[in-house]
């Protein structure tokens, strides 16, 4: 083995060298959500508070007014029945974000109504 083939330092011996050039932006990938608050969808008071905060940061005052009304209703529901609101938020979130739960419910038929004529 010639002198040129030998490693020059301990870092060259380690195949997992952490001193290589690292670009933190290489870890930043596009989310699979369409909006920053989509991860909170169907989570009751958590969803409405996330939407309220996001629209406040964006400065969308019209949407913020609607979100404030939704948050007020969710807060009223939470005050009157805290355990029910938390369970509803958790179950709603699970159904919205866990694929096989959502697909199973999507297969259920909606209410079947027959069109009748008045005679």
Protein backbone atom coordinates (compact mmCIF):
# COMPACT_ATOMS: atom_id res chain seq x y z
CA UNK A 1 0.00 0.00 0.00
CA UNK A 2 1.50 3.29 -0.99
CA UNK A 3 1.57 6.38 1.21
CA UNK A 4 -1.15 8.03 -0.87
CA UNK A 5 -3.72 5.27 -0.17
CA UNK A 6 -3.45 5.47 3.62
CA UNK A 7 -6.02 7.60 5.48
CA UNK A 8 -4.59 10.86 6.71
CA UNK A 9 -6.78 11.34 9.78
CA UNK A 10 -9.31 9.57 12.02
CA UNK A 11 -12.19 11.34 10.27
CA UNK A 12 -11.31 9.63 7.02
CA UNK A 13 -11.49 6.23 8.73
CA UNK A 14 -15.10 6.79 9.85
CA UNK A 15 -17.63 6.12 7.05
CA UNK A 16 -20.26 8.01 9.07
CA UNK A 17 -18.32 11.23 9.09
CA UNK A 18 -20.47 13.96 10.60
CA UNK A 19 -18.19 16.72 9.40
CA UNK A 20 -19.35 16.49 5.80
CA UNK A 21 -21.19 19.45 4.37
CA UNK A 22 -24.72 19.32 5.67
CA UNK A 23 -27.55 21.40 4.31
CA UNK A 24 -30.44 21.62 6.80
CA UNK A 25 -32.75 22.65 3.97
CA UNK A 26 -32.34 19.17 2.53
CA UNK A 27 -34.55 17.96 5.40
CA UNK A 28 -37.27 20.52 4.71
CA UNK A 29 -39.83 18.81 2.55
CA UNK A 30 -43.25 19.86 1.45
CA UNK A 31 -46.00 18.71 3.77
CA UNK A 32 -48.75 16.47 2.49
CA UNK A 33 -51.30 18.91 3.91
CA UNK A 34 -52.89 21.60 1.77
CA UNK A 35 -52.92 24.15 4.60
CA UNK A 36 -50.96 24.54 7.83
CA UNK A 37 -54.07 23.87 9.91
CA UNK A 38 -55.23 20.77 8.05
CA UNK A 39 -53.56 18.54 10.62
CA UNK A 40 -56.11 19.80 13.16
CA UNK A 41 -59.20 19.21 10.99
CA UNK A 42 -62.19 17.62 12.76
CA UNK A 43 -60.59 18.11 16.18
CA UNK A 44 -63.27 20.36 17.65
CA UNK A 45 -61.94 23.19 19.79
CA UNK A 46 -58.36 22.42 18.72
CA UNK A 47 -59.27 22.85 15.06
CA UNK A 48 -61.11 26.11 15.56
CA UNK A 49 -58.32 27.55 17.72
CA UNK A 50 -55.67 26.57 15.14
CA UNK A 51 -57.71 28.23 12.38
CA UNK A 52 -58.24 31.32 14.54
CA UNK A 53 -54.51 31.67 15.23
CA UNK A 54 -53.52 31.01 11.61
CA UNK A 55 -55.98 33.54 10.19
CA UNK A 56 -54.89 36.07 12.81
CA UNK A 57 -51.26 35.66 11.76
CA UNK A 58 -52.24 36.00 8.09
CA UNK A 59 -54.30 39.08 8.88
CA UNK A 60 -57.44 37.70 7.25
CA UNK A 61 -59.95 39.52 9.44
CA UNK A 62 -63.08 38.18 7.73
CA UNK A 63 -62.02 34.57 8.19
CA UNK A 64 -60.87 35.40 11.70
CA UNK A 65 -64.36 36.64 12.61
CA UNK A 66 -65.87 33.36 11.43
CA UNK A 67 -63.19 31.40 13.25
CA UNK A 68 -63.88 33.40 16.41
CA UNK A 69 -67.57 32.48 16.22
CA UNK A 70 -66.68 28.79 15.71
CA UNK A 71 -64.19 28.93 18.56
CA UNK A 72 -66.83 30.52 20.81
CA UNK A 73 -69.29 27.74 20.07
CA UNK A 74 -66.64 25.07 20.63
CA UNK A 75 -65.61 26.76 23.87
CA UNK A 76 -69.23 26.86 25.04
CA UNK A 77 -69.52 23.14 24.27
CA UNK A 78 -66.29 22.47 26.14
CA UNK A 79 -67.43 24.42 29.21
CA UNK A 80 -70.76 22.62 29.35
CA UNK A 81 -69.36 19.13 28.67
CA UNK A 82 -65.54 18.98 28.81
CA UNK A 83 -65.16 15.21 28.62
CA UNK A 84 -67.63 14.89 25.75
CA UNK A 85 -65.88 17.68 23.83
CA UNK A 86 -62.46 16.08 24.25
CA UNK A 87 -63.78 12.66 23.23
CA UNK A 88 -65.59 14.15 20.27
CA UNK A 89 -62.45 16.00 19.19
CA UNK A 90 -60.31 12.88 19.51
CA UNK A 91 -62.71 10.57 17.72
CA UNK A 92 -63.37 13.16 15.01
CA UNK A 93 -59.64 13.61 14.46
CA UNK A 94 -59.11 9.84 14.26
CA UNK A 95 -61.88 9.39 11.72
CA UNK A 96 -60.60 12.30 9.62
CA UNK A 97 -56.93 11.31 9.58
CA UNK A 98 -56.81 7.51 9.88
CA UNK A 99 -57.41 6.12 6.41
CA UNK A 100 -59.16 2.84 7.11
CA UNK A 101 -61.61 4.51 9.53
CA UNK A 102 -62.50 7.19 7.02
CA UNK A 103 -62.79 4.75 4.12
CA UNK A 104 -65.07 2.48 6.12
CA UNK A 105 -67.43 5.32 6.94
CA UNK A 106 -67.33 6.58 3.35
CA UNK A 107 -68.69 3.20 2.23
CA UNK A 108 -71.77 3.57 4.40
CA UNK A 109 -74.70 4.87 2.40
CA UNK A 110 -76.22 8.21 3.22
CA UNK A 111 -79.83 8.42 4.24
CA UNK A 112 -81.96 6.82 1.58
CA UNK A 113 -84.96 8.87 0.67
CA UNK A 114 -87.56 8.10 -1.88
CA UNK A 115 -89.00 10.84 -3.91
CA UNK A 116 -92.76 10.85 -3.47
CA UNK A 117 -95.32 12.87 -5.29
CA UNK A 118 -98.15 14.55 -3.53
CA UNK A 119 -101.44 13.36 -4.87
